[in-house]
Protein backbone atom coordinates (compact mmCIF):
# COMPACT_ATOMS: atom_id res chain seq x y z
CA MET A 1 0.00 0.00 0.00
CA ASP A 2 1.01 3.66 -0.32
CA LEU A 3 1.53 5.13 3.12
CA PRO A 4 0.43 8.75 3.55
CA SER A 5 3.14 11.40 3.62
CA PHE A 6 4.37 11.77 7.21
CA LYS A 7 3.97 15.54 7.36
CA LEU A 8 5.13 15.88 10.97
CA ASP A 9 8.34 13.96 10.43
CA HIS A 10 9.08 15.82 7.20
CA TRP A 11 8.62 19.15 8.97
CA LEU A 12 10.84 18.21 11.92
CA SER A 13 13.56 16.70 9.72
CA LYS A 14 13.66 19.71 7.42
CA TYR A 15 14.77 21.98 10.24
CA ASP A 16 16.31 19.89 13.03
CA PHE A 17 18.71 18.07 10.69
CA ALA A 18 19.51 21.13 8.59
CA THR A 19 23.00 22.66 8.51
CA PRO A 20 22.99 24.57 10.75
CA PRO A 21 19.99 23.16 12.66
CA ILE A 22 17.17 25.34 13.93
CA THR A 23 18.20 27.45 16.94
CA HIS A 24 15.17 26.87 19.19
CA ASN A 25 13.38 23.58 18.51
CA LEU A 26 10.01 23.99 20.23
CA ALA A 27 8.44 21.39 17.95
CA SER A 28 10.23 18.50 19.63
CA SER A 29 8.16 16.17 21.79
CA THR A 30 11.13 14.88 23.80
CA GLY A 31 12.85 16.10 26.95
CA PRO A 32 16.35 17.48 27.54
CA ARG A 33 19.07 15.84 25.48
CA TRP A 34 21.57 13.43 27.02
CA THR A 35 24.94 12.25 25.77
CA VAL A 36 26.15 8.68 26.19
CA GLY A 37 28.81 9.98 28.56
CA GLU A 38 26.26 11.76 30.76
CA LEU A 39 24.09 8.66 30.85
CA ARG A 40 26.97 6.35 31.73
CA ALA A 41 28.04 8.70 34.52
CA LEU A 42 24.75 8.28 36.37
CA GLY A 43 25.02 6.30 39.59
CA ASP A 44 27.51 3.45 39.46
CA GLY A 45 28.12 3.87 35.74
CA VAL A 46 27.76 1.14 33.13
CA SER A 47 30.19 -0.71 30.90
CA VAL A 48 29.22 -1.90 27.43
CA GLU A 49 32.73 -2.83 26.31
CA ASP A 50 32.36 -6.49 27.27
CA THR A 51 28.86 -6.85 25.80
CA ILE A 52 28.77 -9.65 23.24
CA LEU A 53 27.50 -8.38 19.89
CA SER A 54 25.11 -11.23 19.33
CA TYR A 55 21.31 -11.44 19.41
CA ALA A 56 19.32 -10.62 22.53
CA PRO A 57 16.28 -12.75 23.45
CA PRO A 58 13.28 -11.68 21.31
CA GLU A 59 11.35 -10.72 24.45
CA GLY A 60 14.33 -8.70 25.69
CA GLY A 61 17.09 -9.50 28.17
CA ARG A 62 16.08 -10.17 31.75
CA ALA A 63 17.89 -7.12 33.15
CA LEU A 64 16.04 -4.76 30.81
CA ARG A 65 12.67 -6.40 31.41
CA GLU A 66 13.17 -6.14 35.18
CA ALA A 67 14.06 -2.46 34.85
CA VAL A 68 10.97 -1.80 32.70
CA ALA A 69 8.77 -3.68 35.16
CA ASP A 70 10.13 -1.69 38.09
CA PHE A 71 9.48 1.57 36.21
CA HIS A 72 5.80 0.66 35.73
CA GLY A 73 5.19 -1.33 38.91
CA ALA A 74 4.63 -4.51 36.90
CA ASP A 75 5.85 -8.11 36.69
CA PRO A 76 8.97 -8.66 34.53
CA ASP A 77 7.30 -11.67 32.92
CA TRP A 78 4.65 -9.35 31.45
CA VAL A 79 7.25 -7.29 29.54
CA VAL A 80 8.27 -7.71 25.90
CA THR A 81 10.82 -5.22 24.59
CA THR A 82 10.55 -3.67 21.13
CA THR A 83 12.38 -1.26 18.84
CA GLY A 84 10.65 1.84 20.13
CA ALA A 85 6.94 2.13 20.90
CA SER A 86 6.30 2.25 17.15
CA GLU A 87 7.21 -1.42 16.77
CA ALA A 88 5.05 -2.24 19.79
CA LEU A 89 2.02 -0.63 18.12
CA SER A 90 2.80 -2.25 14.77
CA ILE A 91 2.90 -5.68 16.42
CA LEU A 92 -0.45 -5.10 18.13
CA PHE A 93 -2.14 -3.78 15.00
CA CYS A 94 -0.84 -6.80 13.09
CA LEU A 95 -2.23 -9.22 15.69
CA PHE A 96 -5.62 -7.49 15.99
CA GLU A 97 -6.29 -7.33 12.24
CA ARG A 98 -9.24 -9.34 10.95
CA PRO A 99 -11.57 -8.82 7.96
CA GLY A 100 -13.55 -5.63 8.45
CA ALA A 101 -11.89 -4.82 11.78
CA THR A 102 -11.28 -1.27 12.99
CA VAL A 103 -9.20 0.34 15.71
CA LEU A 104 -10.50 3.29 17.72
CA LEU A 105 -8.00 6.17 18.02
CA PRO A 106 -7.97 9.62 19.68
CA ASP A 107 -8.48 12.70 17.48
CA PRO A 108 -6.26 14.66 17.55
CA GLY A 109 -3.58 12.05 17.92
CA TYR A 110 -0.11 10.99 16.88
CA PRO A 111 -0.31 10.69 13.06
CA ALA A 112 1.47 7.33 12.93
CA TYR A 113 -1.45 5.61 14.70
CA ALA A 114 -3.76 5.79 11.71
CA ALA A 115 -1.03 5.17 9.13
CA MET A 116 0.21 2.01 10.85
CA ALA A 117 -3.34 0.75 11.36
CA GLU A 118 -4.06 1.16 7.66
CA ALA A 119 -0.80 -0.57 6.78
CA TRP A 120 -2.11 -3.64 8.63
CA ARG A 121 -5.57 -3.33 7.00
CA LEU A 122 -7.05 -2.28 10.33
CA GLY A 123 -9.50 0.53 9.61
CA PRO A 124 -8.84 3.63 11.74
CA ARG A 125 -11.86 5.25 13.44
CA VAL A 126 -11.68 8.10 15.93
CA TYR A 127 -13.18 9.41 19.13
CA PRO A 128 -12.85 13.21 19.36
CA LEU A 129 -11.07 15.11 22.12
CA ASP A 130 -12.82 18.47 22.28
CA ARG A 131 -10.62 21.54 22.78
CA SER A 132 -13.58 23.41 24.31
CA ASP A 133 -13.46 20.75 27.05
CA ARG A 134 -9.67 20.99 27.41
CA PHE A 135 -9.24 17.81 25.32
CA SER A 136 -10.63 15.79 28.24
CA GLN A 137 -10.41 12.02 27.98
CA ARG A 138 -13.41 10.18 29.40
CA ALA A 139 -14.42 6.54 29.27
CA ASP A 140 -18.02 7.24 28.23
CA ALA A 141 -16.95 9.31 25.22
CA VAL A 142 -14.73 6.47 24.00
CA LEU A 143 -17.31 3.76 24.60
CA ALA A 144 -19.88 5.74 22.62
CA ARG A 145 -17.77 5.13 19.48
CA VAL A 146 -17.24 1.38 19.99
CA ASP A 147 -19.16 -0.89 17.62
CA ALA A 148 -19.14 -4.47 16.34
CA SER A 149 -16.12 -3.78 14.10
CA THR A 150 -13.89 -2.54 16.93
CA SER A 151 -10.88 -4.83 17.36
CA ALA A 152 -8.90 -2.62 19.76
CA VAL A 153 -9.00 0.83 21.39
CA VAL A 154 -6.01 3.13 21.88
CA VAL A 155 -5.77 5.68 24.70
CA ASN A 156 -2.72 7.96 24.87
CA THR A 157 -2.23 9.41 28.36
CA PRO A 158 -0.59 11.85 28.87
CA HIS A 159 -1.73 12.74 25.39
CA ASN A 160 0.27 13.91 22.37
CA PRO A 161 -0.26 16.66 21.27
CA SER A 162 -2.62 18.18 23.89
CA GLY A 163 -1.16 16.98 27.20
CA SER A 164 -4.55 15.82 28.54
CA VAL A 165 -4.73 12.87 30.93
CA MET A 166 -7.35 10.14 31.28
CA PRO A 167 -8.03 9.67 35.02
CA ARG A 168 -7.20 6.21 36.32
CA ALA A 169 -10.82 5.59 37.34
CA ASP A 170 -11.86 6.13 33.72
CA LEU A 171 -9.10 3.82 32.49
CA VAL A 172 -10.27 1.07 34.82
CA ARG A 173 -13.91 1.52 33.81
CA LEU A 174 -13.07 1.66 30.11
CA ALA A 175 -10.87 -1.47 30.29
CA LYS A 176 -13.60 -3.39 32.13
CA ALA A 177 -16.36 -2.37 29.71
CA LEU A 178 -14.20 -3.25 26.70
CA GLY A 179 -13.14 -6.54 28.27
CA GLU A 180 -16.77 -7.58 28.57
CA ARG A 181 -16.94 -7.24 24.77
CA GLY A 182 -13.61 -8.98 24.14
CA ILE A 183 -11.87 -5.77 23.03
CA PRO A 184 -8.36 -5.02 24.39
CA LEU A 185 -7.42 -1.53 25.57
CA ILE A 186 -3.99 -0.30 24.45
CA VAL A 187 -2.68 2.46 26.73
CA ASP A 188 0.19 4.44 25.19
CA GLU A 189 2.24 5.70 28.16
CA VAL A 190 5.29 7.21 26.46
CA TYR A 191 4.84 10.40 28.54
CA HIS A 192 4.30 8.63 31.87
CA PRO A 193 5.17 9.59 34.62
CA LEU A 194 5.28 13.34 33.84
CA TYR A 195 2.15 14.87 35.40
CA PHE A 196 1.52 18.43 36.55
CA GLY A 197 -1.29 17.64 38.96
CA GLU A 198 -1.94 14.52 40.99
CA TYR A 199 0.46 11.67 40.25
CA GLN A 200 -1.13 8.77 38.36
CA ALA A 201 0.12 5.19 38.55
CA SER A 202 0.85 3.30 35.35
CA ALA A 203 -2.04 1.41 33.75
CA ALA A 204 0.12 -1.73 33.74
CA GLY A 205 -1.67 -4.37 35.79
CA ILE A 206 -5.20 -3.15 35.04
CA GLU A 207 -7.17 -6.11 33.70
CA ASN A 208 -7.57 -6.05 29.87
CA VAL A 209 -4.90 -3.37 29.39
CA ILE A 210 -1.79 -3.59 27.22
CA VAL A 211 0.67 -0.79 27.99
CA THR A 212 3.07 0.49 25.33
CA SER A 213 5.93 2.85 26.09
CA ASP A 214 9.57 3.62 25.35
CA LEU A 215 12.62 5.65 26.35
CA SER A 216 12.03 8.40 23.80
CA LYS A 217 9.63 10.81 25.49
CA ALA A 218 9.49 11.08 29.28
CA MET A 219 12.88 9.39 29.56
CA SER A 220 14.37 11.77 26.94
CA LEU A 221 16.47 9.06 25.22
CA PRO A 222 15.06 8.58 21.70
CA GLY A 223 18.45 7.55 20.33
CA LEU A 224 18.38 4.30 22.30
CA ARG A 225 15.39 3.14 20.19
CA THR A 226 14.08 1.02 23.07
CA GLY A 227 10.40 0.41 23.68
CA TRP A 228 8.21 -2.24 25.26
CA LEU A 229 4.81 -3.84 25.71
CA ILE A 230 3.39 -4.87 29.08
CA ASP A 231 0.64 -7.50 28.83
CA MET A 232 -0.64 -9.80 31.59
CA ASP A 233 -2.20 -12.24 29.09
CA PRO A 234 0.35 -15.09 28.59
CA ALA A 235 -1.21 -16.48 25.40
CA ARG A 236 -1.29 -13.08 23.70
CA ARG A 237 2.21 -12.33 24.97
CA ALA A 238 3.49 -15.50 23.27
CA ARG A 239 2.01 -14.23 19.99
CA ILE A 240 3.66 -10.84 20.59
CA VAL A 241 7.07 -12.50 21.08
CA ASP A 242 6.57 -14.48 17.86
CA ALA A 243 5.73 -11.27 16.00
CA ARG A 244 8.77 -9.51 17.43
CA SER A 245 10.91 -12.46 16.30
CA TYR A 246 9.60 -12.09 12.76
CA PHE A 247 9.78 -8.27 12.68
CA THR A 248 13.20 -7.45 14.11
CA ILE A 249 14.45 -10.72 15.71
CA SER A 250 15.75 -8.92 18.82
CA GLY A 251 17.07 -5.74 20.25
CA SER A 252 20.71 -4.64 20.28
CA PRO A 253 22.59 -5.93 23.38
CA PRO A 254 24.64 -2.71 23.83
CA LEU A 255 21.48 -0.59 23.60
CA GLU A 256 19.67 -2.92 26.01
CA CYS A 257 22.57 -2.51 28.44
CA LEU A 258 22.35 1.29 28.27
CA ALA A 259 18.53 1.20 28.43
CA ALA A 260 18.50 -0.94 31.58
CA HIS A 261 21.05 1.40 33.15
CA ALA A 262 18.91 4.44 32.25
CA LEU A 263 15.79 2.91 33.80
CA ARG A 264 17.66 1.99 36.97
CA HIS A 265 18.57 5.69 37.24
CA SER A 266 15.25 7.03 35.99
CA ALA A 267 14.85 9.26 39.06
CA ALA A 268 17.76 11.46 37.96
CA ILE A 269 16.58 11.58 34.34
CA LEU A 270 13.01 12.43 35.34
CA ALA A 271 14.14 15.05 37.87
CA ARG A 272 15.91 16.94 35.09
CA LEU A 273 12.86 16.62 32.83
CA GLU A 274 10.47 17.84 35.55
CA LYS A 275 12.67 20.85 36.30
CA VAL A 276 12.89 21.93 32.65
CA ALA A 277 9.24 21.20 31.82
CA GLY A 278 7.93 22.91 34.95
CA ALA A 279 9.96 26.08 34.43
CA ASN A 280 9.07 26.33 30.75
CA LEU A 281 5.39 25.63 31.34
CA ALA A 282 5.35 28.59 33.74
CA LEU A 283 6.79 30.75 30.95
CA LEU A 284 4.05 29.54 28.61
CA ASP A 285 1.50 30.58 31.25
CA HIS A 286 2.75 34.14 30.83
CA LEU A 287 2.58 33.93 27.04
CA PHE A 288 -1.04 32.76 27.06
CA ALA A 289 -2.08 35.17 29.80
CA ASP A 290 -1.95 37.85 27.08
CA ASP A 291 -4.98 37.11 24.92
CA ARG A 292 -4.39 39.92 22.42
CA HIS A 293 -2.55 37.66 19.97
CA GLY A 294 -5.56 35.39 19.41
CA LEU A 295 -3.68 32.20 20.30
CA ARG A 296 -5.56 30.09 22.86
CA TRP A 297 -4.61 26.95 24.72
CA ALA A 298 -5.67 24.25 27.14
CA ARG A 299 -2.88 23.96 29.72
CA PRO A 300 -1.35 20.47 29.61
CA GLN A 301 -1.94 18.10 32.52
CA GLY A 302 1.10 16.00 31.67
CA GLY A 303 3.64 15.16 28.99
CA THR A 304 5.91 17.51 27.06
CA THR A 305 3.61 19.10 24.45
CA ALA A 306 0.81 21.67 24.24
CA TYR A 307 -1.67 22.18 21.40
CA PRO A 308 -2.75 25.84 21.12
CA TRP A 309 -4.96 27.15 18.34
CA PHE A 310 -5.73 30.44 16.58
CA GLU A 311 -9.15 31.58 17.71
CA ASP A 312 -9.96 33.05 14.29
CA GLY A 313 -9.36 29.67 12.64
CA ARG A 314 -6.47 30.79 10.42
CA ASP A 315 -4.10 28.19 8.99
CA SER A 316 -1.01 28.17 11.22
CA ARG A 317 1.54 26.99 8.62
CA SER A 318 2.53 30.47 7.41
CA PHE A 319 2.99 31.55 11.05
CA CYS A 320 5.16 28.49 11.72
CA GLU A 321 7.21 29.20 8.59
CA ALA A 322 7.74 32.81 9.71
CA LEU A 323 8.84 31.56 13.14
CA ALA A 324 11.29 29.11 11.56
CA VAL A 325 12.92 31.93 9.61
CA SER A 326 13.49 33.63 12.97
CA GLY A 327 15.01 30.48 14.46
CA VAL A 328 12.07 29.04 16.41
CA LEU A 329 10.34 25.80 15.42
CA PHE A 330 6.70 24.99 16.16
CA ALA A 331 4.86 22.11 14.46
CA PRO A 332 1.98 23.33 12.27
CA GLY A 333 -1.40 21.85 13.08
CA ASP A 334 -1.96 20.45 9.59
CA CYS A 335 0.52 17.74 10.61
CA PHE A 336 -2.25 16.53 12.94
CA GLY A 337 -5.19 17.34 10.66
CA ASP A 338 -5.96 20.59 12.53
CA PRO A 339 -4.60 23.53 10.47
CA SER A 340 -5.54 26.22 13.02
CA HIS A 341 -3.43 24.56 15.75
CA VAL A 342 0.27 24.43 16.52
CA ARG A 343 2.13 21.91 18.64
CA ILE A 344 4.64 23.31 21.11
CA GLY A 345 7.25 21.15 22.79
CA TYR A 346 8.43 22.78 26.00
CA ALA A 347 10.70 20.21 27.64
CA GLN A 348 13.88 20.06 25.52
CA HIS A 349 15.41 23.50 26.11
CA ASP A 350 16.58 24.38 29.60
CA GLU A 351 18.37 27.70 29.00
CA ASP A 352 16.96 29.65 26.04
CA PHE A 353 13.22 28.97 26.23
CA GLN A 354 12.43 32.52 27.35
CA GLN A 355 14.45 33.91 24.44
CA ALA A 356 12.50 31.68 22.06
CA LEU A 357 9.17 32.86 23.48
CA ALA A 358 10.24 36.47 22.99
CA ILE A 359 10.63 35.68 19.28
CA VAL A 360 7.21 34.00 19.32
CA SER A 361 5.61 37.08 20.90
CA ASP A 362 7.26 39.40 18.39
CA THR A 363 6.14 37.23 15.45
CA LEU A 364 2.56 37.09 16.81
CA ARG A 365 2.60 40.88 17.11
CA LYS A 366 3.78 41.29 13.50
CA GLU A 367 1.21 38.77 12.25
CA GLY A 368 -1.52 40.75 13.97
CA GLN A 369 -0.58 44.08 12.40
């Protein structure tokens, strides 16, 4: 099949991998950047020099699975590692495909959800997250869109791009109601555990829930390309391991070594993320306190991204292009099917975020003249 153009990735690659790269990348959905040296220096350090460059077990090495399980409060036997959360989702969509089947996805949502579902002949359908209701995620709103064709439901909490969070009580109720109809609930937790209100435990361990996550977002280590699935169902987990064996055979032992080390020292990594995200979110509060520029937002409840919109409905791409010329990168909303929106990533830059927002304010002022 012909996959749709990945507008978001094209936009990010155009600027972040340019020479020179963009000065202030506020389109990124990851946290502060780490070097291998900084990561290895955490705690007792880690040595990869003696790692044998062979295959790892298809379900992942025991040390990594134990570290993942500890991070989510789960059982190591429930964990299957993958090459990023994208492979985890691809495996699930492959396994849940059947003639006429559909998968229910959030709208707005990460664009790869629908594209990967279609690649596996799993028809994408959506449940809307309403910006007038702060993109709230509620079990009843999801269940209202479930029908006889539904093979699986995806919830992303904290949510990309809006930062909304589905309360745990709703997750439990949704999983139970879906389980009664034989429909699994996939909970994408790549931004867990970054919350700005009450802390929420991982959905791992809730009956009828499969958790997907990785090191790319809250853990700020996309270059390690390490993700995972957490599933209590042993029969389905065996099918997942088989699929992983066919797709990529295994992970990379050196990367698994570094990934396990990172998860064992997740407190230090998350502390840095929380400091940067919290400070920058406060600066965004000041930007949106001035309503003269016509840009509105719903303040994120978690994660590393916000999803503001132009109140007059204008297409944001020209604004984003003008910002890029000035050295600041936002992601235009048409990458998510919402042209009047922009996505702002506020967790990567820890020193020059205020300078970037000054450029944003000046560009908004010029656009409004």
